[in-house]
Structure formats: structure tokens, C-alpha cells
Protein backbone atom coordinates (compact mmCIF):
# COMPACT_ATOMS: atom_id res chain seq x y z
CA UNK A 1 3.89 -3.15 43.57
CA UNK A 2 5.70 -0.47 41.59
CA UNK A 3 4.27 0.63 38.29
CA UNK A 4 6.36 0.49 35.12
CA UNK A 5 6.21 3.29 32.56
CA UNK A 6 7.58 3.15 29.02
CA UNK A 7 9.42 5.93 27.17
CA UNK A 8 10.71 5.98 23.61
CA UNK A 9 11.69 8.57 21.01
CA UNK A 10 9.98 9.89 17.91
CA UNK A 11 11.85 7.60 15.51
CA UNK A 12 9.49 4.92 16.82
CA UNK A 13 6.84 4.56 14.12
CA UNK A 14 3.56 3.25 15.51
CA UNK A 15 -0.14 3.90 15.33
CA UNK A 16 -1.26 6.84 17.45
CA UNK A 17 -4.13 4.80 18.87
CA UNK A 18 -1.70 2.12 20.07
CA UNK A 19 0.59 4.72 21.63
CA UNK A 20 -2.30 6.35 23.48
CA UNK A 21 -4.04 3.13 24.55
CA UNK A 22 -0.80 1.82 26.07
CA UNK A 23 0.23 5.15 27.59
CA UNK A 24 3.59 5.18 25.80
CA UNK A 25 5.55 8.38 26.36
CA UNK A 26 7.38 9.67 23.27
CA UNK A 27 10.28 12.10 23.50
CA UNK A 28 10.35 14.11 20.26
CA UNK A 29 13.52 14.80 18.36
CA UNK A 30 13.60 17.99 16.31
CA UNK A 31 14.10 18.73 12.64
CA UNK A 32 15.24 22.02 11.16
CA UNK A 33 13.92 22.95 7.71
CA UNK A 34 15.36 26.08 6.12
CA UNK A 35 16.23 27.52 9.52
CA UNK A 36 12.88 26.72 11.16
CA UNK A 37 12.93 24.14 13.96
CA UNK A 38 9.99 21.74 14.28
CA UNK A 39 9.33 19.16 16.98
CA UNK A 40 8.91 15.68 15.54
CA UNK A 41 5.48 15.17 17.06
CA UNK A 42 1.81 14.98 16.09
CA UNK A 43 1.93 18.54 14.77
CA UNK A 44 4.27 17.45 11.96
CA UNK A 45 2.75 14.39 10.23
CA UNK A 46 5.02 12.50 7.86
CA UNK A 47 3.07 13.53 4.78
CA UNK A 48 3.32 17.21 5.68
CA UNK A 49 7.02 16.85 6.38
CA UNK A 50 7.63 15.32 2.93
CA UNK A 51 6.06 18.39 1.33
CA UNK A 52 8.24 20.71 3.40
CA UNK A 53 11.37 18.71 2.63
CA UNK A 54 10.63 18.73 -1.11
CA UNK A 55 10.30 22.52 -1.02
CA UNK A 56 13.36 23.13 1.17
CA UNK A 57 16.60 24.56 -0.18
CA UNK A 58 18.78 22.05 1.65
CA UNK A 59 18.50 18.74 3.47
CA UNK A 60 16.71 19.15 6.81
CA UNK A 61 18.86 18.66 9.90
CA UNK A 62 17.78 16.45 12.77
CA UNK A 63 18.69 16.90 16.44
CA UNK A 64 18.42 14.63 19.46
CA UNK A 65 16.40 15.78 22.49
CA UNK A 66 18.24 17.85 25.11
CA UNK A 67 19.29 15.93 28.21
CA UNK A 68 17.28 18.34 30.36
CA UNK A 69 14.04 17.38 28.62
CA UNK A 70 14.69 13.72 29.39
CA UNK A 71 15.42 14.52 33.04
CA UNK A 72 12.20 16.51 33.31
CA UNK A 73 10.14 13.68 31.79
CA UNK A 74 11.78 10.99 33.92
CA UNK A 75 11.26 13.00 37.12
CA UNK A 76 7.62 13.59 36.22
CA UNK A 77 6.91 9.94 35.43
CA UNK A 78 8.81 8.67 38.45
CA UNK A 79 7.29 11.08 40.97
CA UNK A 80 4.80 8.40 42.09
CA UNK A 81 7.58 5.84 42.59
CA UNK A 82 7.20 4.18 39.18
CA UNK A 83 10.11 2.49 37.43
CA UNK A 84 10.86 3.66 33.89
CA UNK A 85 12.08 1.69 30.89
CA UNK A 86 13.33 4.04 28.17
CA UNK A 87 13.87 2.32 24.80
CA UNK A 88 15.50 4.20 21.93
CA UNK A 89 16.77 3.99 18.39
CA UNK A 90 20.18 2.52 17.69
CA UNK A 91 23.22 4.55 18.72
CA UNK A 92 24.42 3.93 15.16
CA UNK A 93 21.78 6.40 13.98
CA UNK A 94 21.55 8.97 16.74
CA UNK A 95 22.97 10.13 20.05
CA UNK A 96 19.47 10.02 21.53
CA UNK A 97 20.06 6.86 23.56
CA UNK A 98 23.23 8.33 25.07
CA UNK A 99 21.37 11.53 25.99
CA UNK A 100 18.76 9.34 27.68
CA UNK A 101 21.47 7.46 29.59
CA UNK A 102 23.03 10.68 30.86
CA UNK A 103 19.60 11.95 31.87
CA UNK A 104 18.85 8.72 33.73
CA UNK A 105 21.88 9.38 35.97
CA UNK A 106 20.62 12.87 36.77
CA UNK A 107 16.98 11.94 37.34
CA UNK A 108 15.50 11.21 40.76
CA UNK A 109 13.57 8.30 39.19
CA UNK A 110 14.72 4.72 38.68
CA UNK A 111 15.34 4.61 34.92
CA UNK A 112 16.74 1.82 32.77
CA UNK A 113 17.77 2.92 29.27
CA UNK A 114 17.90 0.37 26.46
CA UNK A 115 19.45 0.70 23.01
CA UNK A 116 16.96 -1.10 20.76
CA UNK A 117 19.62 -1.70 18.08
CA UNK A 118 17.00 -0.73 15.49
CA UNK A 119 14.46 2.00 14.70
CA UNK A 120 11.09 2.74 13.09
CA UNK A 121 8.58 -0.09 13.58
CA UNK A 122 11.45 -2.38 14.55
CA UNK A 123 11.77 -0.18 17.64
CA UNK A 124 8.01 -0.20 18.12
CA UNK A 125 7.99 -4.00 18.45
CA UNK A 126 10.00 -3.68 21.66
CA UNK A 127 8.21 -0.60 22.92
CA UNK A 128 4.69 -1.91 22.34
CA UNK A 129 5.38 -5.28 23.95
CA UNK A 130 6.99 -3.60 26.95
CA UNK A 131 3.97 -1.32 27.33
CA UNK A 132 1.55 -4.25 27.04
CA UNK A 133 3.39 -6.11 29.79
CA UNK A 134 3.57 -2.98 31.95
CA UNK A 135 -0.20 -2.60 31.61
CA UNK A 136 -0.56 -6.21 32.76
CA UNK A 137 1.36 -5.30 35.92
CA UNK A 138 4.70 -6.88 35.04
CA UNK A 139 7.78 -5.48 36.75
CA UNK A 140 10.87 -3.98 35.15
CA UNK A 141 12.86 -7.14 35.89
CA UNK A 142 10.19 -9.27 34.24
CA UNK A 143 9.88 -7.08 31.14
CA UNK A 144 13.58 -6.51 30.36
CA UNK A 145 14.48 -10.06 29.21
CA UNK A 146 11.38 -10.25 27.02
CA UNK A 147 12.24 -6.98 25.30
CA UNK A 148 15.85 -8.06 24.83
CA UNK A 149 14.66 -11.31 23.27
CA UNK A 150 12.52 -9.40 20.77
CA UNK A 151 15.53 -7.24 19.96
CA UNK A 152 17.64 -10.29 19.17
CA UNK A 153 14.95 -11.69 16.85
CA UNK A 154 14.07 -8.57 14.87
CA UNK A 155 14.99 -8.04 11.21
CA UNK A 156 14.70 -4.72 9.42
CA UNK A 157 15.13 -4.07 5.69
CA UNK A 158 15.12 -0.66 4.07
CA UNK A 159 14.76 0.13 0.38
CA UNK A 160 15.76 3.52 -1.02
CA UNK A 161 15.13 5.06 -4.42
CA UNK A 162 17.96 7.57 -4.04
CA UNK A 163 21.03 7.66 -1.86
CA UNK A 164 21.21 11.46 -1.86
CA UNK A 165 19.78 11.93 1.63
CA UNK A 166 21.83 9.11 3.16
CA UNK A 167 25.00 10.56 1.66
CA UNK A 168 24.25 14.15 2.68
CA UNK A 169 23.31 12.98 6.16
CA UNK A 170 26.59 11.11 6.51
CA UNK A 171 24.99 7.68 6.83
CA UNK A 172 26.93 6.15 3.89
CA UNK A 173 30.03 7.07 1.93
CA UNK A 174 29.82 9.82 -0.65
CA UNK A 175 31.57 7.69 -3.28
CA UNK A 176 28.85 5.03 -3.15
CA UNK A 177 26.22 7.73 -3.30
CA UNK A 178 27.64 9.35 -6.42
CA UNK A 179 27.89 6.02 -8.24
CA UNK A 180 24.35 5.02 -7.34
CA UNK A 181 22.87 8.40 -8.28
CA UNK A 182 24.59 8.25 -11.64
CA UNK A 183 23.32 4.78 -12.40
CA UNK A 184 19.79 5.37 -11.07
CA UNK A 185 20.29 2.45 -8.71
CA UNK A 186 17.67 1.21 -6.25
CA UNK A 187 19.10 -0.46 -3.16
CA UNK A 188 17.68 -2.64 -0.41
CA UNK A 189 19.77 -2.83 2.76
CA UNK A 190 19.50 -4.66 6.05
CA UNK A 191 20.03 -2.72 9.25
CA UNK A 192 22.20 -4.73 11.60
CA UNK A 193 23.93 -3.54 14.76
CA UNK A 194 23.86 0.08 13.73
CA UNK A 195 25.04 -0.47 10.16
CA UNK A 196 23.34 -0.48 6.77
CA UNK A 197 24.43 -3.50 4.74
CA UNK A 198 23.50 -3.75 1.03
CA UNK A 199 21.39 -6.78 0.17
CA UNK A 200 20.46 -6.12 -3.45
CA UNK A 201 20.81 -3.28 -5.93
CA UNK A 202 19.70 -2.66 -9.49
CA UNK A 203 18.17 -0.15 -11.86
CA UNK A 204 14.50 0.67 -11.60
CA UNK A 205 11.66 -0.36 -9.31
CA UNK A 206 11.89 -4.01 -10.37
CA UNK A 207 14.80 -4.24 -7.96
CA UNK A 208 12.38 -3.90 -5.06
CA UNK A 209 10.08 -6.57 -6.50
CA UNK A 210 12.99 -8.99 -6.89
CA UNK A 211 14.05 -8.40 -3.29
CA UNK A 212 10.47 -8.90 -2.10
CA UNK A 213 10.37 -12.33 -3.74
CA UNK A 214 13.50 -13.24 -1.78
CA UNK A 215 11.97 -11.78 1.38
CA UNK A 216 8.89 -13.97 0.99
CA UNK A 217 11.14 -17.00 0.69
CA UNK A 218 12.99 -15.90 3.83
CA UNK A 219 9.93 -15.55 6.02
CA UNK A 220 8.50 -18.82 4.70
CA UNK A 221 11.38 -20.55 6.50
CA UNK A 222 10.56 -18.92 9.85
CA UNK A 223 7.83 -20.82 11.71
CA UNK A 224 6.66 -18.31 14.32
CA UNK A 225 6.60 -14.73 13.06
CA UNK A 226 4.86 -12.62 15.69
CA UNK A 227 4.64 -9.26 13.95
CA UNK A 228 5.35 -7.55 10.62
CA UNK A 229 5.46 -3.81 10.05
CA UNK A 230 5.69 -1.79 6.84
CA UNK A 231 6.70 1.87 6.68
CA UNK A 232 7.16 4.20 3.74
CA UNK A 233 8.22 7.76 2.90
CA UNK A 234 6.16 9.64 0.32
CA UNK A 235 4.96 7.55 -2.63
CA UNK A 236 3.97 4.02 -1.71
CA UNK A 237 2.02 2.36 -4.55
CA UNK A 238 4.48 -0.49 -4.97
CA UNK A 239 4.83 -0.94 -1.22
CA UNK A 240 1.04 -1.14 -0.87
CA UNK A 241 1.15 -4.20 -3.13
CA UNK A 242 3.76 -5.76 -0.85
CA UNK A 243 1.41 -5.13 2.07
CA UNK A 244 -1.48 -6.83 0.28
CA UNK A 245 0.59 -9.93 -0.41
CA UNK A 246 1.87 -10.14 3.15
CA UNK A 247 -1.65 -9.68 4.52
CA UNK A 248 -2.85 -12.55 2.32
CA UNK A 249 -0.13 -14.76 3.76
CA UNK A 250 -0.85 -13.67 7.34
CA UNK A 251 -4.63 -13.07 7.30
CA UNK A 252 -5.01 -13.00 11.09
CA UNK A 253 -2.14 -10.56 11.71
CA UNK A 254 -2.65 -6.82 11.93
CA UNK A 255 0.18 -5.43 9.76
CA UNK A 256 0.62 -1.69 10.33
CA UNK A 257 1.19 0.22 7.08
CA UNK A 258 2.44 3.63 8.17
CA UNK A 259 4.19 6.70 6.89
CA UNK A 260 7.49 6.85 8.69
CA UNK A 261 8.42 9.75 10.96
CA UNK A 262 10.19 12.91 9.78
CA UNK A 263 13.37 11.84 11.60
CA UNK A 264 13.62 8.67 9.50
CA UNK A 265 12.35 10.24 6.26
CA UNK A 266 15.03 12.93 6.44
CA UNK A 267 17.69 10.30 5.90
CA UNK A 268 15.88 7.87 3.60
CA UNK A 269 14.47 10.43 1.18
CA UNK A 270 11.27 10.08 -0.86
CA UNK A 271 10.22 6.72 -2.26
CA UNK A 272 11.85 4.74 0.54
CA UNK A 273 10.27 1.88 2.46
CA UNK A 274 11.05 -0.46 5.31
CA UNK A 275 9.73 -3.92 6.10
CA UNK A 276 10.53 -5.46 9.44
CA UNK A 277 9.46 -8.42 11.52
CA UNK A 278 10.23 -10.33 14.67
CA UNK A 279 9.73 -13.96 15.57
CA UNK A 280 9.76 -16.20 18.61
């Protein structure tokens, strides 16, 4: 029986121990800070990146992996005849998944590339489950529908304390950014099909608390939540309280509480957070 190997990109926020235990292969994107290019890998932890970004003269620039690097990885992983499932962040955020698709056509290996339609720990839900099933000996054909089902049942919310990075990075309109910066507005958005959609906005951190109350009501209506993940960028005192409350409601669930990757933090800016879940 053919083995199945799992590839993702460095926007996928997950615990290093989980990545290593499940033999998940991560293709790093790159980030340029004041003219210096860094790989988004273990050598650039999120906390260190936040310090570098705060000291930089301009917004860091992110870049997708070169197609050739994908081809090299796919050929290496497929040399023993293994199939490869390569799951990546939404095309609405990056051209990474398209680079992976082009590489899959050039590789000697059998590679299926999947747009996760999400990112961060939302992406990790699909990647981790795929890797668990691969470790159990499941085939590519058996794993694909399960991953696609998780994708269809994943919700991701992101809260930002400033829209400056999203505006400068071209993720939202400049007009909205200027208005929100002027009013000191906090915004929580849902990420759906490659688009950020405002859910609630207001002045001050109480906006996040109000949204969290609504979020608790939302998940109370969902009977079979399988996993929750919480990510943050920089300061996280308020988000830690959210984690405590969610852990109290789901005492048997391991809820990862992780600093997001530099690729995500570049666009969210400091003080941002994301809470995501999937259900069956």
C-alpha cells in the first residue's frame, strides 16, 4: 500500500510537537524586513518577529515559496512512491496554493493540492487530521473527503486592534482603514471564502468582549464541536481570558493557544487574535 505524506505552508499555525510527531512537512514562505529576507520557519518565532516588525521602518513584505522549492520537496517525498496531499492557505490571501499546483504538474510524484479556504489554525485542523489518518495508513482517496468535510465545517474569526497593516498590505480598502484608525475602532471579522467580512466594530477593547459573548452563544448552539484553536499576535492578556473561559466550557478538549506565524502577523498587526473551530 502506498504511503501518504502531508505538506502545508508556514501560515499553518500549530504546535511544533504536533507537527513533528505527525511528520508534517511545512514549506516556509518568506518575509522581508527592512531589506533583509527571513524564512518563516523555526528560526523566526512569532514573538521575535513582532519585535523586528515594531522596529522596522516600513511594513514587512511577505512572499510565497518559489515553485522550484515545491517541486524539489514533492520529488523528495515521492521518491519512495508515496502519494502527497499538499494543503495550503486560501488563495484569497496568497498565491502559495497556485504555486503548489504548478509545482505538482512539474513533479515526478503524485501530488494533490488543496486550497483549505482558510489559514492559521483553521488550516491546521485539516492538515493535522490528514496527517493523523495518513499515520493510520489511510489512502489519499480515503483522506480527501474527510479533509474537505472539515473545510466545509470550519469557522474562523479574527479581531484586530488596528487596520493599518491590513490596509497597507492591500487586504482591505484604504478608506475603511483611515476611518477606523481615526476612530480608534476595534473590529472582529469572519473569514469566509477568501474574504474578510466585518461582524462587529466599536471603540476600545470592550468590543472584543462583546463579540466573545456572542461567540459563546454561537457555539452553544453547535452540538459536536471537535476542535477550537486560539491564536494571537503580540499582546494577549484579554485573549488569555477568552481561552480560560473556553477551556472551562470544554474541559476535556486540548485548545492550542499559540502565537500566530510571521506571515499572518504581518497583515493583522499587533494586538490581533483569531478564534476558530470546526464541528461534525
